[in-house]
Amino acid sequence: KLNVIDDVDVVEAVLMGGEKDWISDVIDEISGYGMNELSLEDTA
C-alpha cells in the first residue's frame, strides 16, 4: 500500500522526523546512553 520494498522505507513513510528523533532518544535512554550526564538542574 505504501509502494515500498524495505522495512526502513516503511519507517520513513509512516513516522515524521520529530517522531523518529524522539523514538531514537527513547531507545538511547533505555540502552543506557546519557546515564552519566548531569541534569540541567545539577548543572545550574
PDB file of all heavy atoms in Angstrom:
ATOM      1  N   LYS A   1       0.819  -1.220   0.000  1.00  0.00           N
ATOM      2  CA  LYS A   1       0.000   0.000   0.000  1.00  0.00           C
ATOM      3  C   LYS A   1       0.851   1.267   0.000  1.00  0.00           C
ATOM      4  O   LYS A   1       0.463   2.277  -0.582  1.00  0.00           O
ATOM      5  CB  LYS A   1      -0.953   0.001   1.189  1.00  0.00           C
ATOM      6  CG  LYS A   1      -2.041  -1.057   1.050  1.00  0.00           C
ATOM      7  CD  LYS A   1      -3.161  -0.813   2.018  1.00  0.00           C
ATOM      8  CE  LYS A   1      -4.176  -1.920   1.951  1.00  0.00           C
ATOM      9  NZ  LYS A   1      -5.225  -1.687   0.996  1.00  0.00           N
ATOM     10  N   LEU A   2       2.030   1.203   0.658  1.00  0.00           N
ATOM     11  CA  LEU A   2       2.932   2.362   0.676  1.00  0.00           C
ATOM     12  C   LEU A   2       3.826   2.404  -0.559  1.00  0.00           C
ATOM     13  O   LEU A   2       4.534   3.382  -0.785  1.00  0.00           O
ATOM     14  CB  LEU A   2       3.810   2.328   1.934  1.00  0.00           C
ATOM     15  CG  LEU A   2       3.111   2.558   3.270  1.00  0.00           C
ATOM     16  CD1 LEU A   2       4.078   2.306   4.420  1.00  0.00           C
ATOM     17  CD2 LEU A   2       2.537   3.965   3.351  1.00  0.00           C
ATOM     18  N   ASN A   3       3.808   1.312  -1.331  1.00  0.00           N
ATOM     19  CA  ASN A   3       4.643   1.188  -2.520  1.00  0.00           C
ATOM     20  C   ASN A   3       6.135   1.303  -2.169  1.00  0.00           C
ATOM     21  O   ASN A   3       6.883   2.056  -2.789  1.00  0.00           O
ATOM     22  CB  ASN A   3       4.248   2.215  -3.579  1.00  0.00           C
ATOM     23  CG  ASN A   3       4.773   1.839  -4.946  1.00  0.00           C
ATOM     24  OD1 ASN A   3       4.989   0.661  -5.242  1.00  0.00           O
ATOM     25  ND2 ASN A   3       4.997   2.836  -5.783  1.00  0.00           N
ATOM     26  N   VAL A   4       6.536   0.536  -1.143  1.00  0.00           N
ATOM     27  CA  VAL A   4       7.935   0.497  -0.717  1.00  0.00           C
ATOM     28  C   VAL A   4       8.389  -0.957  -0.657  1.00  0.00           C
ATOM     29  O   VAL A   4       7.573  -1.877  -0.615  1.00  0.00           O
ATOM     30  CB  VAL A   4       8.154   1.183   0.646  1.00  0.00           C
ATOM     31  CG1 VAL A   4       7.801   2.659   0.569  1.00  0.00           C
ATOM     32  CG2 VAL A   4       7.382   0.499   1.752  1.00  0.00           C
ATOM     33  N   ILE A   5       9.701  -1.149  -0.607  1.00  0.00           N
ATOM     34  CA  ILE A   5      10.258  -2.502  -0.609  1.00  0.00           C
ATOM     35  C   ILE A   5      10.855  -2.873   0.748  1.00  0.00           C
ATOM     36  O   ILE A   5      10.614  -3.952   1.263  1.00  0.00           O
ATOM     37  CB  ILE A   5      11.336  -2.644  -1.711  1.00  0.00           C
ATOM     38  CG1 ILE A   5      10.699  -2.421  -3.079  1.00  0.00           C
ATOM     39  CG2 ILE A   5      12.031  -3.994  -1.633  1.00  0.00           C
ATOM     40  CD1 ILE A   5      11.685  -2.308  -4.208  1.00  0.00           C
ATOM     41  N   ASP A   6      11.645  -1.981   1.323  1.00  0.00           N
ATOM     42  CA  ASP A   6      12.385  -2.289   2.547  1.00  0.00           C
ATOM     43  C   ASP A   6      11.652  -1.841   3.803  1.00  0.00           C
ATOM     44  O   ASP A   6      10.867  -0.889   3.776  1.00  0.00           O
ATOM     45  CB  ASP A   6      13.751  -1.591   2.526  1.00  0.00           C
ATOM     46  CG  ASP A   6      14.650  -2.124   1.427  1.00  0.00           C
ATOM     47  OD1 ASP A   6      14.562  -3.326   1.126  1.00  0.00           O
ATOM     48  OD2 ASP A   6      15.440  -1.331   0.888  1.00  0.00           O
ATOM     49  N   ASP A   7      11.987  -2.510   4.927  1.00  0.00           N
ATOM     50  CA  ASP A   7      11.429  -2.146   6.227  1.00  0.00           C
ATOM     51  C   ASP A   7      11.767  -0.695   6.573  1.00  0.00           C
ATOM     52  O   ASP A   7      10.938   0.034   7.117  1.00  0.00           O
ATOM     53  CB  ASP A   7      11.981  -3.064   7.328  1.00  0.00           C
ATOM     54  CG  ASP A   7      11.650  -4.531   7.093  1.00  0.00           C
ATOM     55  OD1 ASP A   7      10.871  -4.837   6.163  1.00  0.00           O
ATOM     56  OD2 ASP A   7      12.172  -5.372   7.848  1.00  0.00           O
ATOM     57  N   VAL A   8      12.992  -0.281   6.248  1.00  0.00           N
ATOM     58  CA  VAL A   8      13.424   1.082   6.563  1.00  0.00           C
ATOM     59  C   VAL A   8      12.564   2.110   5.817  1.00  0.00           C
ATOM     60  O   VAL A   8      12.290   3.192   6.340  1.00  0.00           O
ATOM     61  CB  VAL A   8      14.937   1.261   6.285  1.00  0.00           C
ATOM     62  CG1 VAL A   8      15.243   1.302   4.813  1.00  0.00           C
ATOM     63  CG2 VAL A   8      15.487   2.480   6.990  1.00  0.00           C
ATOM     64  N   ASP A   9      12.111   1.758   4.634  1.00  0.00           N
ATOM     65  CA  ASP A   9      11.248   2.660   3.865  1.00  0.00           C
ATOM     66  C   ASP A   9       9.875   2.798   4.522  1.00  0.00           C
ATOM     67  O   ASP A   9       9.253   3.858   4.451  1.00  0.00           O
ATOM     68  CB  ASP A   9      11.088   2.164   2.427  1.00  0.00           C
ATOM     69  CG  ASP A   9      12.407   2.170   1.664  1.00  0.00           C
ATOM     70  OD1 ASP A   9      13.239   3.062   1.923  1.00  0.00           O
ATOM     71  OD2 ASP A   9      12.599   1.274   0.814  1.00  0.00           O
ATOM     72  N   VAL A  10       9.411   1.719   5.179  1.00  0.00           N
ATOM     73  CA  VAL A  10       8.139   1.782   5.904  1.00  0.00           C
ATOM     74  C   VAL A  10       8.262   2.771   7.057  1.00  0.00           C
ATOM     75  O   VAL A  10       7.403   3.633   7.245  1.00  0.00           O
ATOM     76  CB  VAL A  10       7.709   0.386   6.428  1.00  0.00           C
ATOM     77  CG1 VAL A  10       6.473   0.498   7.306  1.00  0.00           C
ATOM     78  CG2 VAL A  10       7.460  -0.558   5.269  1.00  0.00           C
ATOM     79  N   VAL A  11       9.345   2.652   7.831  1.00  0.00           N
ATOM     80  CA  VAL A  11       9.562   3.558   8.963  1.00  0.00           C
ATOM     81  C   VAL A  11       9.584   5.000   8.471  1.00  0.00           C
ATOM     82  O   VAL A  11       8.948   5.880   9.058  1.00  0.00           O
ATOM     83  CB  VAL A  11      10.875   3.221   9.709  1.00  0.00           C
ATOM     84  CG1 VAL A  11      11.192   4.259  10.768  1.00  0.00           C
ATOM     85  CG2 VAL A  11      10.791   1.834  10.328  1.00  0.00           C
ATOM     86  N   GLU A  12      10.307   5.241   7.379  1.00  0.00           N
ATOM     87  CA  GLU A  12      10.433   6.603   6.865  1.00  0.00           C
ATOM     88  C   GLU A  12       9.115   7.137   6.299  1.00  0.00           C
ATOM     89  O   GLU A  12       8.867   8.331   6.357  1.00  0.00           O
ATOM     90  CB  GLU A  12      11.563   6.665   5.839  1.00  0.00           C
ATOM     91  CG  GLU A  12      12.905   6.462   6.518  1.00  0.00           C
ATOM     92  CD  GLU A  12      14.085   6.447   5.572  1.00  0.00           C
ATOM     93  OE1 GLU A  12      13.905   6.659   4.355  1.00  0.00           O
ATOM     94  OE2 GLU A  12      15.194   6.209   6.065  1.00  0.00           O
ATOM     95  N   ALA A  13       8.277   6.258   5.789  1.00  0.00           N
ATOM     96  CA  ALA A  13       6.992   6.692   5.239  1.00  0.00           C
ATOM     97  C   ALA A  13       5.955   6.934   6.336  1.00  0.00           C
ATOM     98  O   ALA A  13       5.114   7.818   6.201  1.00  0.00           O
ATOM     99  CB  ALA A  13       6.456   5.645   4.258  1.00  0.00           C
ATOM    100  N   VAL A  14       6.030   6.181   7.410  1.00  0.00           N
ATOM    101  CA  VAL A  14       4.998   6.222   8.445  1.00  0.00           C
ATOM    102  C   VAL A  14       5.283   7.268   9.524  1.00  0.00           C
ATOM    103  O   VAL A  14       4.360   7.943   9.992  1.00  0.00           O
ATOM    104  CB  VAL A  14       4.845   4.817   9.092  1.00  0.00           C
ATOM    105  CG1 VAL A  14       3.962   4.855  10.310  1.00  0.00           C
ATOM    106  CG2 VAL A  14       4.302   3.827   8.074  1.00  0.00           C
ATOM    107  N   LEU A  15       6.537   7.402   9.919  1.00  0.00           N
ATOM    108  CA  LEU A  15       6.880   8.297  11.027  1.00  0.00           C
ATOM    109  C   LEU A  15       7.415   9.638  10.539  1.00  0.00           C
ATOM    110  O   LEU A  15       8.189   9.701   9.577  1.00  0.00           O
ATOM    111  CB  LEU A  15       7.937   7.636  11.930  1.00  0.00           C
ATOM    112  CG  LEU A  15       7.511   6.351  12.625  1.00  0.00           C
ATOM    113  CD1 LEU A  15       8.696   5.737  13.350  1.00  0.00           C
ATOM    114  CD2 LEU A  15       6.366   6.619  13.598  1.00  0.00           C
ATOM    115  N   MET A  16       7.018  10.687  11.231  1.00  0.00           N
ATOM    116  CA  MET A  16       7.538  12.022  10.933  1.00  0.00           C
ATOM    117  C   MET A  16       8.932  12.153  11.552  1.00  0.00           C
ATOM    118  O   MET A  16       9.294  11.401  12.469  1.00  0.00           O
ATOM    119  CB  MET A  16       6.606  13.090  11.501  1.00  0.00           C
ATOM    120  CG  MET A  16       5.242  13.109  10.827  1.00  0.00           C
ATOM    121  SD  MET A  16       4.209  14.534  11.289  1.00  0.00           S
ATOM    122  CE  MET A  16       3.877  14.211  12.993  1.00  0.00           C
ATOM    123  N   GLY A  17       9.698  13.112  11.059  1.00  0.00           N
ATOM    124  CA  GLY A  17      11.066  13.308  11.520  1.00  0.00           C
ATOM    125  C   GLY A  17      11.188  13.475  13.025  1.00  0.00           C
ATOM    126  O   GLY A  17      12.039  12.858  13.665  1.00  0.00           O
ATOM    127  N   GLY A  18      10.333  14.300  13.594  1.00  0.00           N
ATOM    128  CA  GLY A  18      10.370  14.521  15.038  1.00  0.00           C
ATOM    129  C   GLY A  18      10.018  13.280  15.829  1.00  0.00           C
ATOM    130  O   GLY A  18      10.570  13.031  16.899  1.00  0.00           O
ATOM    131  N   GLU A  19       9.108  12.487  15.296  1.00  0.00           N
ATOM    132  CA  GLU A  19       8.732  11.231  15.958  1.00  0.00           C
ATOM    133  C   GLU A  19       9.917  10.261  15.960  1.00  0.00           C
ATOM    134  O   GLU A  19      10.212   9.635  16.984  1.00  0.00           O
ATOM    135  CB  GLU A  19       7.535  10.592  15.252  1.00  0.00           C
ATOM    136  CG  GLU A  19       6.251  11.377  15.407  1.00  0.00           C
ATOM    137  CD  GLU A  19       5.138  10.949  14.470  1.00  0.00           C
ATOM    138  OE1 GLU A  19       5.416  10.321  13.411  1.00  0.00           O
ATOM    139  OE2 GLU A  19       3.974  11.236  14.789  1.00  0.00           O
ATOM    140  N   LYS A  20      10.601  10.161  14.822  1.00  0.00           N
ATOM    141  CA  LYS A  20      11.760   9.278  14.743  1.00  0.00           C
ATOM    142  C   LYS A  20      12.864   9.747  15.687  1.00  0.00           C
ATOM    143  O   LYS A  20      13.509   8.930  16.343  1.00  0.00           O
ATOM    144  CB  LYS A  20      12.290   9.193  13.309  1.00  0.00           C
ATOM    145  CG  LYS A  20      11.368   8.441  12.388  1.00  0.00           C
ATOM    146  CD  LYS A  20      11.987   8.062  11.059  1.00  0.00           C
ATOM    147  CE  LYS A  20      12.815   9.114  10.428  1.00  0.00           C
ATOM    148  NZ  LYS A  20      13.340   8.736   9.121  1.00  0.00           N
ATOM    149  N   ASP A  21      13.071  11.043  15.766  1.00  0.00           N
ATOM    150  CA  ASP A  21      14.085  11.603  16.660  1.00  0.00           C
ATOM    151  C   ASP A  21      13.746  11.270  18.111  1.00  0.00           C
ATOM    152  O   ASP A  21      14.600  10.827  18.883  1.00  0.00           O
ATOM    153  CB  ASP A  21      14.178  13.119  16.452  1.00  0.00           C
ATOM    154  CG  ASP A  21      15.346  13.730  17.180  1.00  0.00           C
ATOM    155  OD1 ASP A  21      16.444  13.138  17.166  1.00  0.00           O
ATOM    156  OD2 ASP A  21      15.163  14.822  17.767  1.00  0.00           O
ATOM    157  N   TRP A  22      12.482  11.452  18.504  1.00  0.00           N
ATOM    158  CA  TRP A  22      12.032  11.159  19.865  1.00  0.00           C
ATOM    159  C   TRP A  22      12.191   9.673  20.174  1.00  0.00           C
ATOM    160  O   TRP A  22      12.706   9.305  21.235  1.00  0.00           O
ATOM    161  CB  TRP A  22      10.578  11.610  20.028  1.00  0.00           C
ATOM    162  CG  TRP A  22       9.915  11.061  21.252  1.00  0.00           C
ATOM    163  CD1 TRP A  22      10.214  11.365  22.556  1.00  0.00           C
ATOM    164  CD2 TRP A  22       8.860  10.101  21.299  1.00  0.00           C
ATOM    165  NE1 TRP A  22       9.400  10.652  23.403  1.00  0.00           N
ATOM    166  CE2 TRP A  22       8.559   9.865  22.658  1.00  0.00           C
ATOM    167  CE3 TRP A  22       8.134   9.419  20.330  1.00  0.00           C
ATOM    168  CZ2 TRP A  22       7.571   8.986  23.065  1.00  0.00           C
ATOM    169  CZ3 TRP A  22       7.145   8.539  20.734  1.00  0.00           C
ATOM    170  CH2 TRP A  22       6.878   8.332  22.091  1.00  0.00           C
ATOM    171  N   ILE A  23      11.777   8.798  19.260  1.00  0.00           N
ATOM    172  CA  ILE A  23      11.881   7.349  19.485  1.00  0.00           C
ATOM    173  C   ILE A  23      13.348   6.946  19.603  1.00  0.00           C
ATOM    174  O   ILE A  23      13.713   6.136  20.461  1.00  0.00           O
ATOM    175  CB  ILE A  23      11.173   6.559  18.355  1.00  0.00           C
ATOM    176  CG1 ILE A  23       9.679   6.860  18.365  1.00  0.00           C
ATOM    177  CG2 ILE A  23      11.429   5.063  18.493  1.00  0.00           C
ATOM    178  CD1 ILE A  23       8.934   6.410  17.118  1.00  0.00           C
ATOM    179  N   SER A  24      14.205   7.522  18.780  1.00  0.00           N
ATOM    180  CA  SER A  24      15.635   7.234  18.843  1.00  0.00           C
ATOM    181  C   SER A  24      16.195   7.647  20.205  1.00  0.00           C
ATOM    182  O   SER A  24      17.011   6.932  20.790  1.00  0.00           O
ATOM    183  CB  SER A  24      16.367   7.958  17.717  1.00  0.00           C
ATOM    184  OG  SER A  24      17.742   7.680  17.747  1.00  0.00           O
ATOM    185  N   ASP A  25      15.745   8.789  20.716  1.00  0.00           N
ATOM    186  CA  ASP A  25      16.175   9.233  22.053  1.00  0.00           C
ATOM    187  C   ASP A  25      15.702   8.272  23.137  1.00  0.00           C
ATOM    188  O   ASP A  25      16.437   7.980  24.084  1.00  0.00           O
ATOM    189  CB  ASP A  25      15.660  10.648  22.349  1.00  0.00           C
ATOM    190  CG  ASP A  25      16.378  11.725  21.555  1.00  0.00           C
ATOM    191  OD1 ASP A  25      17.439  11.435  20.960  1.00  0.00           O
ATOM    192  OD2 ASP A  25      15.866  12.865  21.523  1.00  0.00           O
ATOM    193  N   VAL A  26      14.477   7.770  23.017  1.00  0.00           N
ATOM    194  CA  VAL A  26      13.951   6.788  23.986  1.00  0.00           C
ATOM    195  C   VAL A  26      14.807   5.523  23.940  1.00  0.00           C
ATOM    196  O   VAL A  26      15.186   4.981  24.992  1.00  0.00           O
ATOM    197  CB  VAL A  26      12.464   6.459  23.706  1.00  0.00           C
ATOM    198  CG1 VAL A  26      11.995   5.263  24.521  1.00  0.00           C
ATOM    199  CG2 VAL A  26      11.586   7.666  23.980  1.00  0.00           C
ATOM    200  N   ILE A  27      15.143   5.063  22.753  1.00  0.00           N
ATOM    201  CA  ILE A  27      15.973   3.860  22.603  1.00  0.00           C
ATOM    202  C   ILE A  27      17.341   4.083  23.240  1.00  0.00           C
ATOM    203  O   ILE A  27      17.845   3.224  23.969  1.00  0.00           O
ATOM    204  CB  ILE A  27      16.102   3.461  21.117  1.00  0.00           C
ATOM    205  CG1 ILE A  27      14.739   3.024  20.562  1.00  0.00           C
ATOM    206  CG2 ILE A  27      17.147   2.358  20.932  1.00  0.00           C
ATOM    207  CD1 ILE A  27      14.676   2.929  19.049  1.00  0.00           C
ATOM    208  N   ASP A  28      17.943   5.244  22.981  1.00  0.00           N
ATOM    209  CA  ASP A  28      19.240   5.560  23.603  1.00  0.00           C
ATOM    210  C   ASP A  28      19.130   5.572  25.123  1.00  0.00           C
ATOM    211  O   ASP A  28      19.995   5.045  25.823  1.00  0.00           O
ATOM    212  CB  ASP A  28      19.764   6.907  23.103  1.00  0.00           C
ATOM    213  CG  ASP A  28      20.241   6.859  21.666  1.00  0.00           C
ATOM    214  OD1 ASP A  28      20.459   5.744  21.123  1.00  0.00           O
ATOM    215  OD2 ASP A  28      20.400   7.940  21.067  1.00  0.00           O
ATOM    216  N   GLU A  29      18.065   6.165  25.634  1.00  0.00           N
ATOM    217  CA  GLU A  29      17.871   6.262  27.085  1.00  0.00           C
ATOM    218  C   GLU A  29      17.758   4.880  27.718  1.00  0.00           C
ATOM    219  O   GLU A  29      18.437   4.587  28.700  1.00  0.00           O
ATOM    220  CB  GLU A  29      16.618   7.083  27.394  1.00  0.00           C
ATOM    221  CG  GLU A  29      16.332   7.221  28.872  1.00  0.00           C
ATOM    222  CD  GLU A  29      15.011   7.922  29.117  1.00  0.00           C
ATOM    223  OE1 GLU A  29      14.715   8.908  28.427  1.00  0.00           O
ATOM    224  OE2 GLU A  29      14.273   7.464  30.013  1.00  0.00           O
ATOM    225  N   ILE A  30      16.917   4.000  27.168  1.00  0.00           N
ATOM    226  CA  ILE A  30      16.747   2.675  27.775  1.00  0.00           C
ATOM    227  C   ILE A  30      17.949   1.776  27.501  1.00  0.00           C
ATOM    228  O   ILE A  30      18.126   0.765  28.187  1.00  0.00           O
ATOM    229  CB  ILE A  30      15.432   1.984  27.346  1.00  0.00           C
ATOM    230  CG1 ILE A  30      15.386   1.702  25.843  1.00  0.00           C
ATOM    231  CG2 ILE A  30      14.229   2.783  27.797  1.00  0.00           C
ATOM    232  CD1 ILE A  30      14.165   0.926  25.384  1.00  0.00           C
ATOM    233  N   SER A  31      18.791   2.163  26.544  1.00  0.00           N
ATOM    234  CA  SER A  31      20.020   1.417  26.263  1.00  0.00           C
ATOM    235  C   SER A  31      21.171   1.887  27.142  1.00  0.00           C
ATOM    236  O   SER A  31      22.280   1.375  27.024  1.00  0.00           O
ATOM    237  CB  SER A  31      20.401   1.549  24.787  1.00  0.00           C
ATOM    238  OG  SER A  31      19.388   1.000  23.968  1.00  0.00           O
ATOM    239  N   GLY A  32      20.920   2.866  27.989  1.00  0.00           N
ATOM    240  CA  GLY A  32      21.926   3.293  28.956  1.00  0.00           C
ATOM    241  C   GLY A  32      22.759   4.491  28.554  1.00  0.00           C
ATOM    242  O   GLY A  32      23.646   4.897  29.301  1.00  0.00           O
ATOM    243  N   TYR A  33      22.491   5.075  27.408  1.00  0.00           N
ATOM    244  CA  TYR A  33      23.263   6.247  26.997  1.00  0.00           C
ATOM    245  C   TYR A  33      22.746   7.488  27.720  1.00  0.00           C
ATOM    246  O   TYR A  33      21.548   7.650  27.904  1.00  0.00           O
ATOM    247  CB  TYR A  33      23.190   6.451  25.479  1.00  0.00           C
ATOM    248  CG  TYR A  33      23.922   5.364  24.737  1.00  0.00           C
ATOM    249  CD1 TYR A  33      23.229   4.279  24.214  1.00  0.00           C
ATOM    250  CD2 TYR A  33      25.297   5.395  24.613  1.00  0.00           C
ATOM    251  CE1 TYR A  33      23.902   3.256  23.558  1.00  0.00           C
ATOM    252  CE2 TYR A  33      25.972   4.380  23.955  1.00  0.00           C
ATOM    253  CZ  TYR A  33      25.266   3.316  23.434  1.00  0.00           C
ATOM    254  OH  TYR A  33      25.927   2.304  22.793  1.00  0.00           O
ATOM    255  N   GLY A  34      23.667   8.343  28.133  1.00  0.00           N
ATOM    256  CA  GLY A  34      23.291   9.573  28.819  1.00  0.00           C
ATOM    257  C   GLY A  34      23.042   9.390  30.297  1.00  0.00           C
ATOM    258  O   GLY A  34      22.608  10.320  30.965  1.00  0.00           O
ATOM    259  N   MET A  35      23.352   8.209  30.844  1.00  0.00           N
ATOM    260  CA  MET A  35      23.096   7.964  32.257  1.00  0.00           C
ATOM    261  C   MET A  35      24.009   8.799  33.154  1.00  0.00           C
ATOM    262  O   MET A  35      23.660   9.099  34.277  1.00  0.00           O
ATOM    263  CB  MET A  35      23.283   6.484  32.595  1.00  0.00           C
ATOM    264  CG  MET A  35      22.216   5.598  31.990  1.00  0.00           C
ATOM    265  SD  MET A  35      22.473   3.865  32.345  1.00  0.00           S
ATOM    266  CE  MET A  35      22.046   3.810  34.075  1.00  0.00           C
ATOM    267  N   ASN A  36      25.176   9.175  32.661  1.00  0.00           N
ATOM    268  CA  ASN A  36      26.140   9.913  33.472  1.00  0.00           C
ATOM    269  C   ASN A  36      26.103  11.416  33.228  1.00  0.00           C
ATOM    270  O   ASN A  36      26.877  12.148  33.825  1.00  0.00           O
ATOM    271  CB  ASN A  36      27.557   9.391  33.216  1.00  0.00           C
ATOM    272  CG  ASN A  36      27.721   7.970  33.687  1.00  0.00           C
ATOM    273  OD1 ASN A  36      27.101   7.573  34.669  1.00  0.00           O
ATOM    274  ND2 ASN A  36      28.535   7.202  33.006  1.00  0.00           N
ATOM    275  N   GLU A  37      25.225  11.853  32.345  1.00  0.00           N
ATOM    276  CA  GLU A  37      25.148  13.276  32.060  1.00  0.00           C
ATOM    277  C   GLU A  37      24.463  14.001  33.212  1.00  0.00           C
ATOM    278  O   GLU A  37      23.531  13.503  33.813  1.00  0.00           O
ATOM    279  CB  GLU A  37      24.363  13.526  30.770  1.00  0.00           C
ATOM    280  CG  GLU A  37      25.074  13.013  29.534  1.00  0.00           C
ATOM    281  CD  GLU A  37      24.259  13.224  28.275  1.00  0.00           C
ATOM    282  OE1 GLU A  37      23.190  13.866  28.339  1.00  0.00           O
ATOM    283  OE2 GLU A  37      24.701  12.745  27.219  1.00  0.00           O
ATOM    284  N   LEU A  38      24.963  15.186  33.497  1.00  0.00           N
ATOM    285  CA  LEU A  38      24.333  15.998  34.536  1.00  0.00           C
ATOM    286  C   LEU A  38      23.025  16.562  34.034  1.00  0.00           C
ATOM    287  O   LEU A  38      22.895  16.931  32.870  1.00  0.00           O
ATOM    288  CB  LEU A  38      25.257  17.170  34.917  1.00  0.00           C
ATOM    289  CG  LEU A  38      26.543  16.838  35.665  1.00  0.00           C
ATOM    290  CD1 LEU A  38      27.358  18.099  35.832  1.00  0.00           C
ATOM    291  CD2 LEU A  38      26.243  16.219  37.011  1.00  0.00           C
ATOM    292  N   SER A  39      22.058  16.610  34.916  1.00  0.00           N
ATOM    293  CA  SER A  39      20.797  17.233  34.540  1.00  0.00           C
ATOM    294  C   SER A  39      20.993  18.738  34.483  1.00  0.00           C
ATOM    295  O   SER A  39      21.953  19.283  35.024  1.00  0.00           O
ATOM    296  CB  SER A  39      19.694  16.878  35.554  1.00  0.00           C
ATOM    297  OG  SER A  39      19.952  17.528  36.782  1.00  0.00           O
ATOM    298  N   LEU A  40      20.071  19.425  33.865  1.00  0.00           N
ATOM    299  CA  LEU A  40      20.122  20.886  33.782  1.00  0.00           C
ATOM    300  C   LEU A  40      20.130  21.487  35.173  1.00  0.00           C
ATOM    301  O   LEU A  40      20.845  22.448  35.456  1.00  0.00           O
ATOM    302  CB  LEU A  40      18.930  21.394  32.963  1.00  0.00           C
ATOM    303  CG  LEU A  40      18.906  22.862  32.616  1.00  0.00           C
ATOM    304  CD1 LEU A  40      20.169  23.252  31.839  1.00  0.00           C
ATOM    305  CD2 LEU A  40      17.683  23.191  31.791  1.00  0.00           C
ATOM    306  N   GLU A  41      19.372  20.891  36.082  1.00  0.00           N
ATOM    307  CA  GLU A  41      19.299  21.369  37.458  1.00  0.00           C
ATOM    308  C   GLU A  41      20.635  21.213  38.163  1.00  0.00           C
ATOM    309  O   GLU A  41      21.103  22.110  38.852  1.00  0.00           O
ATOM    310  CB  GLU A  41      18.205  20.582  38.201  1.00  0.00           C
ATOM    311  CG  GLU A  41      17.837  21.145  39.547  1.00  0.00           C
ATOM    312  CD  GLU A  41      16.664  20.390  40.124  1.00  0.00           C
ATOM    313  OE1 GLU A  41      15.576  20.376  39.519  1.00  0.00           O
ATOM    314  OE2 GLU A  41      16.855  19.803  41.214  1.00  0.00           O
ATOM    315  N   ASP A  42      21.297  20.062  37.978  1.00  0.00           N
ATOM    316  CA  ASP A  42      22.616  19.833  38.575  1.00  0.00           C
ATOM    317  C   ASP A  42      23.635  20.806  38.023  1.00  0.00           C
ATOM    318  O   ASP A  42      24.492  21.309  38.754  1.00  0.00           O
ATOM    319  CB  ASP A  42      23.086  18.391  38.327  1.00  0.00           C
ATOM    320  CG  ASP A  42      22.266  17.368  39.083  1.00  0.00           C
ATOM    321  OD1 ASP A  42      21.675  17.741  40.124  1.00  0.00           O
ATOM    322  OD2 ASP A  42      22.207  16.205  38.638  1.00  0.00           O
ATOM    323  N   THR A  43      23.568  21.058  36.723  1.00  0.00           N
ATOM    324  CA  THR A  43      24.496  21.995  36.096  1.00  0.00           C
ATOM    325  C   THR A  43      24.308  23.398  36.662  1.00  0.00           C
ATOM    326  O   THR A  43      25.261  24.113  36.924  1.00  0.00           O
ATOM    327  CB  THR A  43      24.293  22.007  34.563  1.00  0.00           C
ATOM    328  OG1 THR A  43      24.418  20.677  34.080  1.00  0.00           O
ATOM    329  CG2 THR A  43      25.318  22.889  33.887  1.00  0.00           C
ATOM    330  N   ALA A  44      23.059  23.802  36.873  1.00  0.00           N
ATOM    331  CA  ALA A  44      22.774  25.128  37.408  1.00  0.00           C
ATOM    332  C   ALA A  44      23.299  25.269  38.835  1.00  0.00           C
ATOM    333  O   ALA A  44      23.768  26.344  39.232  1.00  0.00           O
ATOM    334  CB  ALA A  44      21.273  25.402  37.377  1.00  0.00           C
TER     335      ALA A  44
END
